[in-house]
């Protein structure tokens, strides 16, 4: 942890000042938690697989056999 961050937090704790609250961020987080669960419940296993394959291709930068249009083997 940075020395300045630690000092800031120590002063806040000593003065008993609560950290500033960002209401928009709190509301977005709350909505995201609810929306994510409901979306996961409505997705079919096939759609979850498609999403996972697309995420894998985006992360690793290659086409998976199920994702490639020509079905070529990975080199």
C-alpha atoms as a PDB file:
ATOM      1  CA  UNK A   1       0.000   0.000   0.000  1.00  0.00           C
ATOM      2  CA  UNK A   2       1.256   3.458  -0.847  1.00  0.00           C
ATOM      3  CA  UNK A   3       2.511   5.510   2.088  1.00  0.00           C
ATOM      4  CA  UNK A   4       0.194   8.418   1.218  1.00  0.00           C
ATOM      5  CA  UNK A   5      -2.866   6.172   1.070  1.00  0.00           C
ATOM      6  CA  UNK A   6      -1.996   4.652   4.417  1.00  0.00           C
ATOM      7  CA  UNK A   7      -1.542   8.119   5.939  1.00  0.00           C
ATOM      8  CA  UNK A   8      -4.857   9.313   4.510  1.00  0.00           C
ATOM      9  CA  UNK A   9      -6.696   6.307   5.908  1.00  0.00           C
ATOM     10  CA  UNK A  10      -5.008   6.710   9.290  1.00  0.00           C
ATOM     11  CA  UNK A  11      -6.096  10.343   9.488  1.00  0.00           C
ATOM     12  CA  UNK A  12      -9.654   9.416   8.450  1.00  0.00           C
ATOM     13  CA  UNK A  13      -9.786   6.736  11.148  1.00  0.00           C
ATOM     14  CA  UNK A  14      -8.373   9.102  13.757  1.00  0.00           C
ATOM     15  CA  UNK A  15     -10.873  11.819  12.924  1.00  0.00           C
ATOM     16  CA  UNK A  16     -13.659   9.257  12.627  1.00  0.00           C
ATOM     17  CA  UNK A  17     -14.700  10.683   9.275  1.00  0.00           C
ATOM     18  CA  UNK A  18     -16.565   8.234   7.051  1.00  0.00           C
ATOM     19  CA  UNK A  19     -15.364   7.833   3.494  1.00  0.00           C
ATOM     20  CA  UNK A  20     -17.422   9.728   0.924  1.00  0.00           C
ATOM     21  CA  UNK A  21     -20.306   7.682  -0.459  1.00  0.00           C
ATOM     22  CA  UNK A  22     -20.990   7.641  -4.177  1.00  0.00           C
ATOM     23  CA  UNK A  23     -24.731   6.973  -4.401  1.00  0.00           C
ATOM     24  CA  UNK A  24     -24.669   6.299  -8.155  1.00  0.00           C
ATOM     25  CA  UNK A  25     -21.977   3.691  -7.727  1.00  0.00           C
ATOM     26  CA  UNK A  26     -23.902   2.018  -4.895  1.00  0.00           C
ATOM     27  CA  UNK A  27     -27.086   1.871  -6.972  1.00  0.00           C
ATOM     28  CA  UNK A  28     -25.252   0.452  -9.981  1.00  0.00           C
ATOM     29  CA  UNK A  29     -23.620  -2.220  -7.849  1.00  0.00           C
ATOM     30  CA  UNK A  30     -26.930  -3.217  -6.305  1.00  0.00           C
ATOM     31  CA  UNK A  31     -28.633  -3.432  -9.694  1.00  0.00           C
ATOM     32  CA  UNK A  32     -25.730  -5.377 -11.166  1.00  0.00           C
ATOM     33  CA  UNK A  33     -25.909  -8.005  -8.459  1.00  0.00           C
ATOM     34  CA  UNK A  34     -29.610  -8.571  -9.052  1.00  0.00           C
ATOM     35  CA  UNK A  35     -29.396  -8.403 -12.838  1.00  0.00           C
ATOM     36  CA  UNK A  36     -26.468 -10.790 -13.087  1.00  0.00           C
ATOM     37  CA  UNK A  37     -28.240 -13.518 -11.138  1.00  0.00           C
ATOM     38  CA  UNK A  38     -31.462 -13.180 -13.084  1.00  0.00           C
ATOM     39  CA  UNK A  39     -29.585 -13.226 -16.403  1.00  0.00           C
ATOM     40  CA  UNK A  40     -27.670 -16.346 -15.385  1.00  0.00           C
ATOM     41  CA  UNK A  41     -30.919 -18.070 -14.487  1.00  0.00           C
ATOM     42  CA  UNK A  42     -32.491 -17.333 -17.876  1.00  0.00           C
ATOM     43  CA  UNK A  43     -29.527 -18.377 -20.057  1.00  0.00           C
ATOM     44  CA  UNK A  44     -29.593 -21.833 -21.578  1.00  0.00           C
ATOM     45  CA  UNK A  45     -26.550 -24.088 -21.219  1.00  0.00           C
ATOM     46  CA  UNK A  46     -25.872 -23.748 -24.960  1.00  0.00           C
ATOM     47  CA  UNK A  47     -25.869 -19.948 -24.749  1.00  0.00           C
ATOM     48  CA  UNK A  48     -23.586 -20.044 -21.696  1.00  0.00           C
ATOM     49  CA  UNK A  49     -21.179 -22.192 -23.717  1.00  0.00           C
ATOM     50  CA  UNK A  50     -21.247 -19.717 -26.621  1.00  0.00           C
ATOM     51  CA  UNK A  51     -20.486 -16.838 -24.264  1.00  0.00           C
ATOM     52  CA  UNK A  52     -17.646 -18.789 -22.625  1.00  0.00           C
ATOM     53  CA  UNK A  53     -16.111 -19.686 -26.000  1.00  0.00           C
ATOM     54  CA  UNK A  54     -16.277 -16.069 -27.149  1.00  0.00           C
ATOM     55  CA  UNK A  55     -14.641 -14.912 -23.911  1.00  0.00           C
ATOM     56  CA  UNK A  56     -11.906 -17.518 -24.312  1.00  0.00           C
ATOM     57  CA  UNK A  57     -11.205 -16.410 -27.883  1.00  0.00           C
ATOM     58  CA  UNK A  58     -11.130 -12.757 -26.825  1.00  0.00           C
ATOM     59  CA  UNK A  59      -8.775 -13.448 -23.948  1.00  0.00           C
ATOM     60  CA  UNK A  60      -6.324 -15.741 -25.679  1.00  0.00           C
ATOM     61  CA  UNK A  61      -6.586 -14.229 -29.162  1.00  0.00           C
ATOM     62  CA  UNK A  62      -7.316 -17.331 -31.173  1.00  0.00           C
ATOM     63  CA  UNK A  63     -10.253 -19.106 -32.729  1.00  0.00           C
ATOM     64  CA  UNK A  64     -11.423 -22.246 -30.989  1.00  0.00           C
ATOM     65  CA  UNK A  65     -12.582 -25.140 -33.234  1.00  0.00           C
ATOM     66  CA  UNK A  66     -16.213 -24.543 -32.232  1.00  0.00           C
ATOM     67  CA  UNK A  67     -15.785 -20.844 -32.940  1.00  0.00           C
ATOM     68  CA  UNK A  68     -13.964 -20.914 -36.268  1.00  0.00           C
ATOM     69  CA  UNK A  69     -15.945 -20.741 -39.463  1.00  0.00           C
ATOM     70  CA  UNK A  70     -13.833 -23.304 -41.361  1.00  0.00           C
ATOM     71  CA  UNK A  71     -13.200 -25.765 -38.527  1.00  0.00           C
ATOM     72  CA  UNK A  72      -9.410 -25.783 -38.982  1.00  0.00           C
ATOM     73  CA  UNK A  73      -7.212 -27.366 -36.363  1.00  0.00           C
ATOM     74  CA  UNK A  74      -5.171 -25.106 -34.096  1.00  0.00           C
ATOM     75  CA  UNK A  75      -1.599 -24.803 -35.232  1.00  0.00           C
END
